[in-house]
Protein backbone atom coordinates (compact mmCIF):
# COMPACT_ATOMS: atom_id res chain seq x y z
CA MET A 1 -4.73 24.62 -6.98
CA LEU A 2 -2.95 22.30 -4.57
CA HIS A 3 -0.44 25.07 -3.88
CA ALA A 4 -3.31 27.46 -3.19
CA ALA A 5 -4.94 24.93 -0.88
CA ARG A 6 -1.68 24.50 1.03
CA GLU A 7 -1.23 28.23 1.47
CA ALA A 8 -4.87 28.68 2.47
CA VAL A 9 -4.48 26.19 5.33
CA GLY A 10 -1.21 27.80 6.38
CA ARG A 11 1.11 24.82 5.89
CA SER A 12 4.66 24.77 4.57
CA GLN A 13 5.76 22.15 2.07
CA LYS A 14 7.83 20.53 4.83
CA GLN A 15 4.81 20.31 7.14
CA VAL A 16 2.74 18.72 4.39
CA ALA A 17 5.58 16.30 3.61
CA ASP A 18 5.89 15.34 7.27
CA GLU A 19 2.13 14.83 7.61
CA THR A 20 1.58 12.93 4.35
CA GLY A 21 4.81 11.03 3.80
CA ILE A 22 5.17 12.62 0.36
CA SER A 23 8.59 14.15 -0.26
CA THR A 24 8.96 17.93 -0.36
CA ARG A 25 10.52 17.50 -3.81
CA THR A 26 7.35 15.81 -5.08
CA ILE A 27 5.12 18.43 -3.45
CA ASN A 28 7.19 21.13 -5.10
CA LYS A 29 6.89 19.41 -8.49
CA VAL A 30 3.12 19.07 -8.10
CA GLU A 31 2.74 22.73 -7.15
CA ARG A 32 4.91 23.97 -10.01
CA GLY A 33 3.19 21.69 -12.51
CA VAL A 34 6.48 20.40 -13.89
CA ASP A 35 7.44 16.87 -14.72
CA PRO A 36 4.87 14.14 -14.52
CA VAL A 37 4.03 13.07 -10.99
CA ARG A 38 2.27 9.95 -9.86
CA PHE A 39 -1.48 10.33 -9.66
CA ASN A 40 -1.55 8.61 -6.28
CA ASN A 41 0.49 11.54 -4.88
CA ILE A 42 -1.96 14.07 -6.31
CA VAL A 43 -4.89 12.11 -4.87
CA ALA A 44 -3.15 11.84 -1.50
CA LEU A 45 -2.55 15.60 -1.41
CA ARG A 46 -6.11 16.36 -2.46
CA ASN A 47 -7.44 14.06 0.27
CA TYR A 48 -5.06 15.59 2.83
CA TYR A 49 -6.31 19.13 2.11
CA GLU A 50 -9.90 17.91 2.33
CA THR A 51 -9.24 16.71 5.88
CA LEU A 52 -8.05 20.26 6.64
CA GLY A 53 -11.16 21.86 5.17
CA VAL A 54 -10.33 22.69 1.54
CA ARG A 55 -11.72 20.61 -1.28
CA ALA A 56 -11.25 20.94 -5.02
CA LEU A 57 -14.42 20.78 -7.04
CA GLU A 58 -14.64 20.42 -10.79
CA ALA A 59 -17.20 22.94 -11.97
CA ASP A 60 -19.63 22.58 -14.86
CA ALA A 61 -17.69 24.51 -17.49
CA PRO A 62 -14.67 22.92 -19.16
CA LYS A 63 -11.38 23.74 -17.45
CA SER A 64 -13.31 25.40 -14.64
CA TRP A 65 -12.56 24.51 -11.04
CA ALA A 66 -13.48 25.73 -7.61
CA LEU A 67 -12.16 25.41 -4.10
CA VAL A 68 -14.73 24.81 -1.37
CA PHE A 69 -13.81 25.87 2.15
CA ASP A 70 -15.27 24.35 5.30
CA ASP A 71 -16.68 26.64 7.96
CA SER A 72 -13.75 25.71 10.21
CA ILE A 73 -11.31 27.77 8.12
CA ALA A 74 -13.67 30.16 6.30
CA PRO A 75 -16.62 30.99 8.55
CA ALA A 76 -19.88 32.19 7.08
CA PRO A 77 -20.88 35.81 7.73
CA ASP A 78 -22.94 36.22 10.90
CA PRO A 79 -26.54 36.62 9.68
CA LEU A 80 -27.51 38.36 12.93
CA ARG A 81 -25.10 41.19 12.15
CA ALA A 82 -26.01 41.59 8.47
CA ARG A 83 -27.63 44.98 9.02
CA GLU A 84 -24.33 46.29 10.41
CA ARG A 85 -22.42 45.50 7.20
CA ALA A 86 -22.47 46.94 3.72
CA PHE A 87 -20.31 44.12 2.38
CA ASP A 88 -19.51 40.51 3.30
CA ALA A 89 -15.81 40.12 2.66
CA ALA A 90 -14.52 36.77 1.55
CA PRO A 91 -12.53 35.15 4.36
CA GLY A 92 -8.74 35.40 4.35
CA PRO A 93 -8.03 31.84 3.17
CA LEU A 94 -9.99 32.49 -0.05
CA LEU A 95 -8.11 35.75 -0.67
CA CYS A 96 -4.83 33.94 -0.05
CA ALA A 97 -5.73 31.08 -2.41
CA ALA A 98 -6.68 33.51 -5.19
CA ARG A 99 -3.42 35.45 -4.78
CA VAL A 100 -1.38 32.24 -4.94
CA MET A 101 -3.19 31.13 -8.10
CA LEU A 102 -2.22 34.46 -9.67
CA ASP A 103 1.39 33.68 -8.66
CA LEU A 104 1.72 36.98 -6.79
CA SER A 105 3.56 37.65 -3.56
CA GLN A 106 1.78 39.64 -0.86
CA SER A 107 3.98 42.60 -1.83
CA ASP A 108 3.06 42.30 -5.52
CA MET A 109 -0.63 42.00 -4.64
CA GLY A 110 -0.37 45.10 -2.48
CA LYS A 111 1.12 47.02 -5.41
CA GLN A 112 -1.75 45.87 -7.64
CA ILE A 113 -4.33 47.44 -5.33
CA GLY A 114 -2.25 50.37 -4.05
CA SER A 115 -1.67 48.94 -0.61
CA SER A 116 1.12 47.37 1.45
CA HIS A 117 2.13 43.75 1.86
CA THR A 118 1.27 44.13 5.55
CA THR A 119 -2.33 44.96 4.64
CA ILE A 120 -2.54 41.94 2.34
CA ARG A 121 -1.10 39.71 5.08
CA ARG A 122 -3.64 41.06 7.59
CA LEU A 123 -6.52 40.52 5.16
CA GLU A 124 -5.38 36.95 4.46
CA ARG A 125 -5.10 36.26 8.18
CA ALA A 126 -8.48 37.91 8.75
CA ASP A 127 -7.17 39.42 11.96
CA GLY A 128 -9.82 42.15 11.99
CA THR A 129 -7.32 45.02 11.98
CA THR A 130 -8.01 46.25 8.45
CA ALA A 131 -10.85 48.38 7.24
CA PRO A 132 -13.58 46.52 5.33
CA GLU A 133 -13.03 48.94 2.44
CA LEU A 134 -9.58 47.41 1.90
CA ALA A 135 -11.05 43.91 1.82
CA TYR A 136 -13.60 45.19 -0.70
CA LYS A 137 -10.83 46.69 -2.85
CA LEU A 138 -8.83 43.44 -2.83
CA GLN A 139 -11.86 41.28 -3.52
CA ALA A 140 -12.97 43.59 -6.37
CA TYR A 141 -9.50 43.31 -7.92
CA LEU A 142 -9.60 39.51 -7.71
CA GLU A 143 -13.10 39.43 -9.21
CA MET A 144 -11.86 41.62 -12.04
CA ARG A 145 -9.20 38.94 -12.63
CA GLY A 146 -11.96 36.33 -12.99
CA PHE A 147 -12.36 34.84 -9.49
CA GLN A 148 -15.85 34.46 -8.05
CA PHE A 149 -16.54 34.36 -4.33
CA VAL A 150 -19.76 32.57 -3.39
CA LYS A 151 -21.09 32.87 0.16
CA PRO A 152 -22.05 29.73 2.04
CA HIS A 153 -25.52 28.38 1.39
CA LYS A 154 -27.45 25.13 1.79
CA GLY A 155 -24.75 23.51 3.92
CA VAL A 156 -21.91 24.27 1.50
CA GLY A 157 -19.13 26.56 2.70
CA TRP A 158 -17.52 29.44 0.87
CA ILE A 159 -16.69 28.65 -2.75
CA LEU A 160 -13.87 30.21 -4.74
CA HIS A 161 -14.51 29.76 -8.46
CA VAL A 162 -11.21 29.84 -10.29
CA PRO A 163 -10.91 31.45 -13.72
CA ALA A 164 -9.74 29.24 -16.55
CA PHE A 165 -6.11 30.27 -16.97
CA SER A 166 -4.63 29.80 -20.39
């Protein structure tokens, strides 16, 4: 999840290392889930990503987690334009985080939905150059894989519920 948070905020491991004082080697170990790492490093990384707008939230069910995204990186749909849309696509950082948690490259994700890596990159950047139908197709695929995208409500930003991976 920390890898997904890093990708969602668009930081490299080196940038995170420079900004947190944690070595890139340790960040890599945390993200790969190998070798024990010191809890203070995990806490420091979690706190760092929270300052950038992504927070990990333990959900109710066992082994169930979610990432909560601040409005600054995952804006809520414009309610004044709701009648113009048939679908509220999840913002790019959520799509990126879900792809990373599936351990897929943009190219591999494109193949999964019959699209190109360029389309996946554009959707993750939310640059507005892709048809909403493609965002729908990608989001539907991710939901089929167990992710849930919850729109902002009651002062809480977008939530990405993560499936319990075995």
